[in-house]
PDB file of N, CA and C in Angstrom:
ATOM      1  N   MET A   1     216.453 112.547 104.684  1.00  0.00           N
ATOM      2  CA  MET A   1     215.974 113.777 104.136  1.00  0.00           C
ATOM      3  C   MET A   1     215.421 114.666 105.241  1.00  0.00           C
ATOM      4  N   HIS A   2     215.922 115.858 105.333  1.00  0.00           N
ATOM      5  CA  HIS A   2     215.448 116.826 106.305  1.00  0.00           C
ATOM      6  C   HIS A   2     214.479 117.768 105.623  1.00  0.00           C
ATOM      7  N   SER A   3     213.303 117.895 106.257  1.00  0.00           N
ATOM      8  CA  SER A   3     212.392 118.892 105.725  1.00  0.00           C
ATOM      9  C   SER A   3     212.540 120.137 106.565  1.00  0.00           C
ATOM     10  N   LYS A   4     212.417 121.241 105.937  1.00  0.00           N
ATOM     11  CA  LYS A   4     212.604 122.505 106.606  1.00  0.00           C
ATOM     12  C   LYS A   4     211.407 122.787 107.520  1.00  0.00           C
ATOM     13  N   LEU A   5     211.692 123.163 108.746  1.00  0.00           N
ATOM     14  CA  LEU A   5     210.642 123.494 109.685  1.00  0.00           C
ATOM     15  C   LEU A   5     210.234 124.948 109.459  1.00  0.00           C
ATOM     16  N   THR A   6     209.061 125.088 108.892  1.00  0.00           N
ATOM     17  CA  THR A   6     208.578 126.437 108.618  1.00  0.00           C
ATOM     18  C   THR A   6     207.754 126.926 109.801  1.00  0.00           C
ATOM     19  N   ARG A   7     207.488 128.176 109.796  1.00  0.00           N
ATOM     20  CA  ARG A   7     206.674 128.763 110.853  1.00  0.00           C
ATOM     21  C   ARG A   7     205.279 128.128 110.874  1.00  0.00           C
ATOM     22  N   ARG A   8     204.736 127.874 109.723  1.00  0.00           N
ATOM     23  CA  ARG A   8     203.409 127.263 109.619  1.00  0.00           C
ATOM     24  C   ARG A   8     203.412 125.864 110.242  1.00  0.00           C
ATOM     25  N   ARG A   9     204.423 125.047 109.941  1.00  0.00           N
ATOM     26  CA  ARG A   9     204.510 123.701 110.514  1.00  0.00           C
ATOM     27  C   ARG A   9     204.704 123.765 112.026  1.00  0.00           C
ATOM     28  N   LEU A  10     205.495 124.693 112.478  1.00  0.00           N
ATOM     29  CA  LEU A  10     205.728 124.854 113.902  1.00  0.00           C
ATOM     30  C   LEU A  10     204.424 125.209 114.626  1.00  0.00           C
ATOM     31  N   LEU A  11     203.667 126.146 114.059  1.00  0.00           N
ATOM     32  CA  LEU A  11     202.400 126.533 114.670  1.00  0.00           C
ATOM     33  C   LEU A  11     201.402 125.377 114.691  1.00  0.00           C
ATOM     34  N   ARG A  12     201.368 124.574 113.646  1.00  0.00           N
ATOM     35  CA  ARG A  12     200.475 123.415 113.600  1.00  0.00           C
ATOM     36  C   ARG A  12     200.835 122.412 114.690  1.00  0.00           C
ATOM     37  N   ARG A  13     202.139 122.171 114.869  1.00  0.00           N
ATOM     38  CA  ARG A  13     202.585 121.214 115.884  1.00  0.00           C
ATOM     39  C   ARG A  13     202.260 121.716 117.290  1.00  0.00           C
ATOM     40  N   VAL A  14     202.475 122.989 117.527  1.00  0.00           N
ATOM     41  CA  VAL A  14     202.158 123.561 118.836  1.00  0.00           C
ATOM     42  C   VAL A  14     200.658 123.467 119.099  1.00  0.00           C
ATOM     43  N   ALA A  15     199.846 123.766 118.094  1.00  0.00           N
ATOM     44  CA  ALA A  15     198.394 123.679 118.247  1.00  0.00           C
ATOM     45  C   ALA A  15     197.972 122.231 118.520  1.00  0.00           C
ATOM     46  N   ALA A  16     198.551 121.279 117.831  1.00  0.00           N
ATOM     47  CA  ALA A  16     198.213 119.870 118.023  1.00  0.00           C
ATOM     48  C   ALA A  16     198.595 119.420 119.432  1.00  0.00           C
ATOM     49  N   LEU A  17     199.739 119.848 119.919  1.00  0.00           N
ATOM     50  CA  LEU A  17     200.141 119.492 121.273  1.00  0.00           C
ATOM     51  C   LEU A  17     199.198 120.105 122.305  1.00  0.00           C
ATOM     52  N   GLY A  18     198.759 121.313 122.050  1.00  0.00           N
ATOM     53  CA  GLY A  18     197.808 121.965 122.960  1.00  0.00           C
ATOM     54  C   GLY A  18     196.503 121.214 123.040  1.00  0.00           C
ATOM     55  N   VAL A  19     195.993 120.775 121.888  1.00  0.00           N
ATOM     56  CA  VAL A  19     194.747 120.012 121.853  1.00  0.00           C
ATOM     57  C   VAL A  19     194.919 118.698 122.598  1.00  0.00           C
ATOM     58  N   LEU A  20     196.023 118.011 122.380  1.00  0.00           N
ATOM     59  CA  LEU A  20     196.273 116.750 123.071  1.00  0.00           C
ATOM     60  C   LEU A  20     196.390 116.966 124.572  1.00  0.00           C
ATOM     61  N   GLY A  21     197.019 118.044 124.975  1.00  0.00           N
ATOM     62  CA  GLY A  21     197.164 118.339 126.398  1.00  0.00           C
ATOM     63  C   GLY A  21     195.832 118.587 127.066  1.00  0.00           C
ATOM     64  N   VAL A  22     194.967 119.339 126.422  1.00  0.00           N
ATOM     65  CA  VAL A  22     193.645 119.621 126.982  1.00  0.00           C
ATOM     66  C   VAL A  22     192.808 118.355 127.004  1.00  0.00           C
ATOM     67  N   ALA A  23     192.830 117.581 125.958  1.00  0.00           N
ATOM     68  CA  ALA A  23     192.043 116.359 125.893  1.00  0.00           C
ATOM     69  C   ALA A  23     192.533 115.344 126.921  1.00  0.00           C
ATOM     70  N   GLY A  24     193.806 115.302 127.167  1.00  0.00           N
ATOM     71  CA  GLY A  24     194.377 114.345 128.102  1.00  0.00           C
ATOM     72  C   GLY A  24     194.039 114.645 129.543  1.00  0.00           C
ATOM     73  N   THR A  25     193.803 115.898 129.889  1.00  0.00           N
ATOM     74  CA  THR A  25     193.534 116.228 131.291  1.00  0.00           C
ATOM     75  C   THR A  25     192.158 115.788 131.736  1.00  0.00           C
ATOM     76  N   GLY A  26     191.206 115.634 130.849  1.00  0.00           N
ATOM     77  CA  GLY A  26     189.854 115.267 131.245  1.00  0.00           C
ATOM     78  C   GLY A  26     189.551 113.789 131.126  1.00  0.00           C
ATOM     79  N   CYS A  27     190.455 113.017 130.597  1.00  0.00           N
ATOM     80  CA  CYS A  27     190.194 111.600 130.363  1.00  0.00           C
ATOM     81  C   CYS A  27     190.102 110.837 131.676  1.00  0.00           C
ATOM     82  N   GLY A  28     189.072 110.023 131.792  1.00  0.00           N
ATOM     83  CA  GLY A  28     188.931 109.147 132.942  1.00  0.00           C
ATOM     84  C   GLY A  28     188.425 109.822 134.201  1.00  0.00           C
ATOM     85  N   LYS A  29     188.173 111.088 134.174  1.00  0.00           N
ATOM     86  CA  LYS A  29     187.699 111.776 135.368  1.00  0.00           C
ATOM     87  C   LYS A  29     186.247 112.170 135.177  1.00  0.00           C
ATOM     88  N   GLU A  30     185.395 111.659 136.050  1.00  0.00           N
ATOM     89  CA  GLU A  30     183.996 112.036 136.021  1.00  0.00           C
ATOM     90  C   GLU A  30     183.735 112.935 137.216  1.00  0.00           C
ATOM     91  N   LYS A  31     182.892 113.915 137.006  1.00  0.00           N
ATOM     92  CA  LYS A  31     182.501 114.761 138.125  1.00  0.00           C
ATOM     93  C   LYS A  31     181.615 113.935 139.040  1.00  0.00           C
ATOM     94  N   PRO A  32     181.843 114.038 140.360  1.00  0.00           N
ATOM     95  CA  PRO A  32     180.972 113.281 141.249  1.00  0.00           C
ATOM     96  C   PRO A  32     179.544 113.818 141.181  1.00  0.00           C
ATOM     97  N   LYS A  33     178.599 112.902 141.205  1.00  0.00           N
ATOM     98  CA  LYS A  33     177.195 113.304 141.161  1.00  0.00           C
ATOM     99  C   LYS A  33     176.815 113.870 142.518  1.00  0.00           C
ATOM    100  N   PRO A  34     176.013 114.933 142.529  1.00  0.00           N
ATOM    101  CA  PRO A  34     175.593 115.470 143.819  1.00  0.00           C
ATOM    102  C   PRO A  34     174.703 114.466 144.551  1.00  0.00           C
ATOM    103  N   LEU A  35     174.820 114.452 145.850  1.00  0.00           N
ATOM    104  CA  LEU A  35     174.036 113.548 146.679  1.00  0.00           C
ATOM    105  C   LEU A  35     172.579 114.011 146.709  1.00  0.00           C
ATOM    106  N   VAL A  36     171.656 113.113 146.428  1.00  0.00           N
ATOM    107  CA  VAL A  36     170.226 113.426 146.443  1.00  0.00           C
ATOM    108  C   VAL A  36     169.560 112.518 147.473  1.00  0.00           C
ATOM    109  N   CYS A  37     168.894 113.139 148.440  1.00  0.00           N
ATOM    110  CA  CYS A  37     168.265 112.396 149.532  1.00  0.00           C
ATOM    111  C   CYS A  37     166.783 112.751 149.620  1.00  0.00           C
ATOM    112  N   THR A  38     166.065 112.554 148.546  1.00  0.00           N
ATOM    113  CA  THR A  38     164.662 112.963 148.489  1.00  0.00           C
ATOM    114  C   THR A  38     163.680 111.804 148.336  1.00  0.00           C
ATOM    115  N   ASP A  39     164.154 110.560 148.398  1.00  0.00           N
ATOM    116  CA  ASP A  39     163.276 109.404 148.232  1.00  0.00           C
ATOM    117  C   ASP A  39     162.474 109.188 149.522  1.00  0.00           C
ATOM    118  N   THR A  40     161.194 109.527 149.496  1.00  0.00           N
ATOM    119  CA  THR A  40     160.344 109.412 150.675  1.00  0.00           C
ATOM    120  C   THR A  40     159.269 108.338 150.492  1.00  0.00           C
ATOM    121  N   MET A  41     159.495 107.401 149.601  1.00  0.00           N
ATOM    122  CA  MET A  41     158.498 106.370 149.285  1.00  0.00           C
ATOM    123  C   MET A  41     158.075 105.548 150.508  1.00  0.00           C
ATOM    124  N   GLY A  42     158.980 105.262 151.427  1.00  0.00           N
ATOM    125  CA  GLY A  42     158.661 104.404 152.563  1.00  0.00           C
ATOM    126  C   GLY A  42     158.101 105.133 153.774  1.00  0.00           C
ATOM    127  N   LEU A  43     157.893 106.425 153.678  1.00  0.00           N
ATOM    128  CA  LEU A  43     157.432 107.203 154.828  1.00  0.00           C
ATOM    129  C   LEU A  43     155.918 107.204 154.961  1.00  0.00           C
ATOM    130  N   SER A  44     155.467 107.275 156.183  1.00  0.00           N
ATOM    131  CA  SER A  44     154.024 107.362 156.442  1.00  0.00           C
ATOM    132  C   SER A  44     153.548 108.777 156.128  1.00  0.00           C
ATOM    133  N   PRO A  45     152.238 108.943 155.937  1.00  0.00           N
ATOM    134  CA  PRO A  45     151.725 110.296 155.692  1.00  0.00           C
ATOM    135  C   PRO A  45     152.083 111.276 156.820  1.00  0.00           C
ATOM    136  N   THR A  46     152.098 110.788 158.063  1.00  0.00           N
ATOM    137  CA  THR A  46     152.463 111.645 159.196  1.00  0.00           C
ATOM    138  C   THR A  46     153.918 112.083 159.100  1.00  0.00           C
ATOM    139  N   ASP A  47     154.807 111.142 158.772  1.00  0.00           N
ATOM    140  CA  ASP A  47     156.234 111.482 158.618  1.00  0.00           C
ATOM    141  C   ASP A  47     156.439 112.480 157.480  1.00  0.00           C
ATOM    142  N   LEU A  48     155.701 112.303 156.395  1.00  0.00           N
ATOM    143  CA  LEU A  48     155.785 113.244 155.274  1.00  0.00           C
ATOM    144  C   LEU A  48     155.298 114.628 155.691  1.00  0.00           C
ATOM    145  N   GLN A  49     154.260 114.647 156.497  1.00  0.00           N
ATOM    146  CA  GLN A  49     153.705 115.915 156.962  1.00  0.00           C
ATOM    147  C   GLN A  49     154.720 116.655 157.841  1.00  0.00           C
ATOM    148  N   VAL A  50     155.398 115.925 158.726  1.00  0.00           N
ATOM    149  CA  VAL A  50     156.425 116.527 159.585  1.00  0.00           C
ATOM    150  C   VAL A  50     157.570 117.051 158.727  1.00  0.00           C
ATOM    151  N   ARG A  51     157.988 116.251 157.760  1.00  0.00           N
ATOM    152  CA  ARG A  51     159.087 116.649 156.865  1.00  0.00           C
ATOM    153  C   ARG A  51     158.736 117.944 156.135  1.00  0.00           C
ATOM    154  N   THR A  52     157.490 118.043 155.685  1.00  0.00           N
ATOM    155  CA  THR A  52     157.033 119.238 154.984  1.00  0.00           C
ATOM    156  C   THR A  52     156.893 120.417 155.945  1.00  0.00           C
ATOM    157  N   ALA A  53     156.295 120.181 157.128  1.00  0.00           N
ATOM    158  CA  ALA A  53     156.085 121.251 158.108  1.00  0.00           C
ATOM    159  C   ALA A  53     157.411 121.851 158.585  1.00  0.00           C
ATOM    160  N   LEU A  54     158.445 121.011 158.677  1.00  0.00           N
ATOM    161  CA  LEU A  54     159.755 121.505 159.105  1.00  0.00           C
ATOM    162  C   LEU A  54     160.585 122.026 157.935  1.00  0.00           C
ATOM    163  N   ALA A  55     159.984 122.052 156.754  1.00  0.00           N
ATOM    164  CA  ALA A  55     160.599 122.625 155.544  1.00  0.00           C
ATOM    165  C   ALA A  55     161.970 122.042 155.240  1.00  0.00           C
ATOM    166  N   TYR A  56     162.061 120.695 155.305  1.00  0.00           N
ATOM    167  CA  TYR A  56     163.336 120.059 154.953  1.00  0.00           C
ATOM    168  C   TYR A  56     163.683 120.385 153.507  1.00  0.00           C
ATOM    169  N   ALA A  57     164.920 120.814 153.288  1.00  0.00           N
ATOM    170  CA  ALA A  57     165.438 121.083 151.946  1.00  0.00           C
ATOM    171  C   ALA A  57     166.702 120.259 151.760  1.00  0.00           C
ATOM    172  N   ASP A  58     166.836 119.622 150.617  1.00  0.00           N
ATOM    173  CA  ASP A  58     167.980 118.757 150.332  1.00  0.00           C
ATOM    174  C   ASP A  58     169.291 119.541 150.254  1.00  0.00           C
ATOM    175  N   MET A  59     169.213 120.828 149.970  1.00  0.00           N
ATOM    176  CA  MET A  59     170.397 121.701 149.935  1.00  0.00           C
ATOM    177  C   MET A  59     170.090 122.964 150.738  1.00  0.00           C
ATOM    178  N   SER A  60     170.923 123.251 151.720  1.00  0.00           N
ATOM    179  CA  SER A  60     170.727 124.433 152.554  1.00  0.00           C
ATOM    180  C   SER A  60     171.012 125.699 151.759  1.00  0.00           C
ATOM    181  N   VAL A  61     170.211 126.712 151.989  1.00  0.00           N
ATOM    182  CA  VAL A  61     170.456 128.010 151.363  1.00  0.00           C
ATOM    183  C   VAL A  61     171.018 128.993 152.384  1.00  0.00           C
ATOM    184  N   THR A  62     171.160 128.533 153.627  1.00  0.00           N
ATOM    185  CA  THR A  62     171.700 129.363 154.693  1.00  0.00           C
ATOM    186  C   THR A  62     173.130 128.925 154.997  1.00  0.00           C
ATOM    187  N   PRO A  63     174.118 129.769 154.706  1.00  0.00           N
ATOM    188  CA  PRO A  63     175.511 129.390 154.956  1.00  0.00           C
ATOM    189  C   PRO A  63     175.729 128.987 156.422  1.00  0.00           C
ATOM    190  N   GLY A  64     176.408 127.869 156.610  1.00  0.00           N
ATOM    191  CA  GLY A  64     176.736 127.402 157.947  1.00  0.00           C
ATOM    192  C   GLY A  64     175.648 126.592 158.623  1.00  0.00           C
ATOM    193  N   LYS A  65     174.432 126.635 158.130  1.00  0.00           N
ATOM    194  CA  LYS A  65     173.330 125.869 158.718  1.00  0.00           C
ATOM    195  C   LYS A  65     173.016 124.674 157.822  1.00  0.00           C
ATOM    196  N   MET A  66     173.775 123.612 158.043  1.00  0.00           N
ATOM    197  CA  MET A  66     173.579 122.390 157.267  1.00  0.00           C
ATOM    198  C   MET A  66     173.358 121.239 158.230  1.00  0.00           C
ATOM    199  N   CYS A  67     172.650 120.242 157.774  1.00  0.00           N
ATOM    200  CA  CYS A  67     172.353 119.081 158.606  1.00  0.00           C
ATOM    201  C   CYS A  67     173.626 118.463 159.198  1.00  0.00           C
ATOM    202  N   SER A  68     174.706 118.462 158.453  1.00  0.00           N
ATOM    203  CA  SER A  68     175.945 117.832 158.922  1.00  0.00           C
ATOM    204  C   SER A  68     176.476 118.459 160.201  1.00  0.00           C
ATOM    205  N   ASN A  69     176.104 119.722 160.489  1.00  0.00           N
ATOM    206  CA  ASN A  69     176.561 120.326 161.742  1.00  0.00           C
ATOM    207  C   ASN A  69     175.391 120.640 162.670  1.00  0.00           C
ATOM    208  N   CYS A  70     174.344 119.809 162.590  1.00  0.00           N
ATOM    209  CA  CYS A  70     173.154 119.934 163.444  1.00  0.00           C
ATOM    210  C   CYS A  70     173.191 118.824 164.507  1.00  0.00           C
ATOM    211  N   GLN A  71     172.713 119.140 165.707  1.00  0.00           N
ATOM    212  CA  GLN A  71     172.669 118.152 166.793  1.00  0.00           C
ATOM    213  C   GLN A  71     171.748 116.989 166.471  1.00  0.00           C
ATOM    214  N   GLN A  72     170.757 117.199 165.627  1.00  0.00           N
ATOM    215  CA  GLN A  72     169.766 116.168 165.328  1.00  0.00           C
ATOM    216  C   GLN A  72     170.233 115.181 164.256  1.00  0.00           C
ATOM    217  N   TYR A  73     171.293 115.526 163.523  1.00  0.00           N
ATOM    218  CA  TYR A  73     171.737 114.737 162.368  1.00  0.00           C
ATOM    219  C   TYR A  73     172.482 113.486 162.806  1.00  0.00           C
ATOM    220  N   LEU A  74     172.172 112.365 162.166  1.00  0.00           N
ATOM    221  CA  LEU A  74     172.855 111.093 162.380  1.00  0.00           C
ATOM    222  C   LEU A  74     173.568 110.730 161.084  1.00  0.00           C
ATOM    223  N   GLU A  75     174.882 110.740 161.124  1.00  0.00           N
ATOM    224  CA  GLU A  75     175.698 110.524 159.920  1.00  0.00           C
ATOM    225  C   GLU A  75     175.510 109.125 159.357  1.00  0.00           C
ATOM    226  N   GLY A  76     175.477 109.049 158.030  1.00  0.00           N
ATOM    227  CA  GLY A  76     175.397 107.772 157.327  1.00  0.00           C
ATOM    228  C   GLY A  76     176.777 107.365 156.829  1.00  0.00           C
ATOM    229  N   PRO A  77     176.850 106.361 155.967  1.00  0.00           N
ATOM    230  CA  PRO A  77     178.128 105.963 155.381  1.00  0.00           C
ATOM    231  C   PRO A  77     178.705 107.101 154.530  1.00  0.00           C
ATOM    232  N   PRO A  78     180.015 107.070 154.225  1.00  0.00           N
ATOM    233  CA  PRO A  78     180.607 108.112 153.383  1.00  0.00           C
ATOM    234  C   PRO A  78     179.881 108.231 152.048  1.00  0.00           C
ATOM    235  N   ASN A  79     179.663 109.460 151.603  1.00  0.00           N
ATOM    236  CA  ASN A  79     178.997 109.761 150.324  1.00  0.00           C
ATOM    237  C   ASN A  79     177.594 109.172 150.238  1.00  0.00           C
ATOM    238  N   ALA A  80     176.897 109.122 151.379  1.00  0.00           N
ATOM    239  CA  ALA A  80     175.526 108.599 151.399  1.00  0.00           C
ATOM    240  C   ALA A  80     174.677 109.491 152.301  1.00  0.00           C
ATOM    241  N   CYS A  81     173.370 109.325 152.191  1.00  0.00           N
ATOM    242  CA  CYS A  81     172.444 110.086 153.025  1.00  0.00           C
ATOM    243  C   CYS A  81     172.546 109.625 154.471  1.00  0.00           C
ATOM    244  N   GLY A  82     172.298 110.545 155.373  1.00  0.00           N
ATOM    245  CA  GLY A  82     172.234 110.217 156.787  1.00  0.00           C
ATOM    246  C   GLY A  82     170.784 110.161 157.209  1.00  0.00           C
ATOM    247  N   SER A  83     170.556 110.354 158.509  1.00  0.00           N
ATOM    248  CA  SER A  83     169.196 110.394 159.021  1.00  0.00           C
ATOM    249  C   SER A  83     169.116 111.482 160.087  1.00  0.00           C
ATOM    250  N   CYS A  84     167.945 111.647 160.668  1.00  0.00           N
ATOM    251  CA  CYS A  84     167.709 112.716 161.626  1.00  0.00           C
ATOM    252  C   CYS A  84     166.857 112.184 162.771  1.00  0.00           C
ATOM    253  N   LYS A  85     167.053 112.733 163.950  1.00  0.00           N
ATOM    254  CA  LYS A  85     166.274 112.326 165.110  1.00  0.00           C
ATOM    255  C   LYS A  85     164.829 112.830 165.023  1.00  0.00           C
ATOM    256  N   ILE A  86     164.593 113.884 164.238  1.00  0.00           N
ATOM    257  CA  ILE A  86     163.272 114.497 164.162  1.00  0.00           C
ATOM    258  C   ILE A  86     162.602 114.267 162.811  1.00  0.00           C
ATOM    259  N   VAL A  87     163.326 114.536 161.718  1.00  0.00           N
ATOM    260  CA  VAL A  87     162.787 114.406 160.362  1.00  0.00           C
ATOM    261  C   VAL A  87     163.088 112.990 159.858  1.00  0.00           C
ATOM    262  N   LYS A  88     162.079 112.247 159.526  1.00  0.00           N
ATOM    263  CA  LYS A  88     162.241 110.872 159.045  1.00  0.00           C
ATOM    264  C   LYS A  88     162.609 110.862 157.560  1.00  0.00           C
ATOM    265  N   GLY A  89     163.244 109.788 157.146  1.00  0.00           N
ATOM    266  CA  GLY A  89     163.632 109.630 155.748  1.00  0.00           C
ATOM    267  C   GLY A  89     165.093 109.973 155.542  1.00  0.00           C
ATOM    268  N   PRO A  90     165.568 109.854 154.295  1.00  0.00           N
ATOM    269  CA  PRO A  90     166.966 110.149 154.000  1.00  0.00           C
ATOM    270  C   PRO A  90     167.250 111.645 154.151  1.00  0.00           C
ATOM    271  N   ILE A  91     168.400 111.958 154.745  1.00  0.00           N
ATOM    272  CA  ILE A  91     168.772 113.349 155.011  1.00  0.00           C
ATOM    273  C   ILE A  91     170.130 113.643 154.385  1.00  0.00           C
ATOM    274  N   ASN A  92     170.164 114.677 153.574  1.00  0.00           N
ATOM    275  CA  ASN A  92     171.401 115.110 152.928  1.00  0.00           C
ATOM    276  C   ASN A  92     172.233 115.892 153.943  1.00  0.00           C
ATOM    277  N   PRO A  93     173.523 115.564 154.109  1.00  0.00           N
ATOM    278  CA  PRO A  93     174.366 116.321 155.034  1.00  0.00           C
ATOM    279  C   PRO A  93     174.409 117.809 154.692  1.00  0.00           C
ATOM    280  N   ALA A  94     174.159 118.151 153.424  1.00  0.00           N
ATOM    281  CA  ALA A  94     174.166 119.554 152.991  1.00  0.00           C
ATOM    282  C   ALA A  94     172.774 120.179 153.077  1.00  0.00           C
ATOM    283  N   GLY A  95     171.797 119.438 153.619  1.00  0.00           N
ATOM    284  CA  GLY A  95     170.427 119.922 153.718  1.00  0.00           C
ATOM    285  C   GLY A  95     170.209 120.820 154.925  1.00  0.00           C
ATOM    286  N   ASN A  96     168.934 121.169 155.136  1.00  0.00           N
ATOM    287  CA  ASN A  96     168.573 122.027 156.253  1.00  0.00           C
ATOM    288  C   ASN A  96     167.073 121.917 156.486  1.00  0.00           C
ATOM    289  N   CYS A  97     166.641 122.247 157.717  1.00  0.00           N
ATOM    290  CA  CYS A  97     165.221 122.354 158.033  1.00  0.00           C
ATOM    291  C   CYS A  97     165.042 123.300 159.215  1.00  0.00           C
ATOM    292  N   LYS A  98     163.796 123.502 159.610  1.00  0.00           N
ATOM    293  CA  LYS A  98     163.490 124.443 160.698  1.00  0.00           C
ATOM    294  C   LYS A  98     163.924 123.930 162.068  1.00  0.00           C
ATOM    295  N   SER A  99     164.187 122.639 162.213  1.00  0.00           N
ATOM    296  CA  SER A  99     164.583 122.090 163.511  1.00  0.00           C
ATOM    297  C   SER A  99     166.099 122.137 163.727  1.00  0.00           C
ATOM    298  N   TYR A 100     166.804 122.872 162.898  1.00  0.00           N
ATOM    299  CA  TYR A 100     168.275 122.959 162.986  1.00  0.00           C
ATOM    300  C   TYR A 100     168.707 123.514 164.350  1.00  0.00           C
ATOM    301  N   ILE A 101     169.602 122.786 165.004  1.00  0.00           N
ATOM    302  CA  ILE A 101     170.250 123.244 166.232  1.00  0.00           C
ATOM    303  C   ILE A 101     171.735 122.962 166.062  1.00  0.00           C
ATOM    304  N   ALA A 102     172.536 124.013 166.096  1.00  0.00           N
ATOM    305  CA  ALA A 102     173.978 123.867 165.876  1.00  0.00           C
ATOM    306  C   ALA A 102     174.613 122.953 166.927  1.00  0.00           C
ATOM    307  N   LYS A 103     175.538 122.116 166.487  1.00  0.00           N
ATOM    308  CA  LYS A 103     176.307 121.299 167.413  1.00  0.00           C
ATOM    309  C   LYS A 103     177.161 122.222 168.261  1.00  0.00           C
ATOM    310  N   PRO A 104     177.371 121.880 169.517  1.00  0.00           N
ATOM    311  CA  PRO A 104     178.239 122.719 170.335  1.00  0.00           C
ATOM    312  C   PRO A 104     179.678 122.654 169.826  1.00  0.00           C
ATOM    313  N   ALA A 105     180.390 123.762 169.972  1.00  0.00           N
ATOM    314  CA  ALA A 105     181.797 123.812 169.535  1.00  0.00           C
ATOM    315  C   ALA A 105     182.608 122.825 170.377  1.00  0.00           C
ATOM    316  N   SER A 106     183.491 122.075 169.701  1.00  0.00           N
ATOM    317  CA  SER A 106     184.302 121.095 170.431  1.00  0.00           C
ATOM    318  C   SER A 106     185.541 121.707 170.987  1.00  0.00           C
TER     319      SER A 106
END
C-alpha cells in the first residue's frame, strides 16, 4: 500500500531530519573547561604578597602580553598550569602580571 506523500508529511519529515541533524552534531562533545591557576593554598604570606603586588591575573586583559610569551614563564605539562621565575604558585599561560618581559623574537 502506497500512501500519498502530501506537502504536510514532507514538511514534517524535513523538520524531523533537521532536528536529528542538529542533535547529532553536539553529541559526545564537551567544551573544554578553561584553565584555572588560582590555587595559592601552599604559598607563604610573602609569596602571596609578591603575587598581589605584581598584580598577577589568571587571564590577561592586554593583547599579546600573556605569561606564555614572557621570559619569566616556565611551561608546565599540556593543558596545565605552568610556573614563573618571579611569581610563585600556579601560573596560567594566558595570565599576566607587572613583571612581564616579552621573549625575544626567534
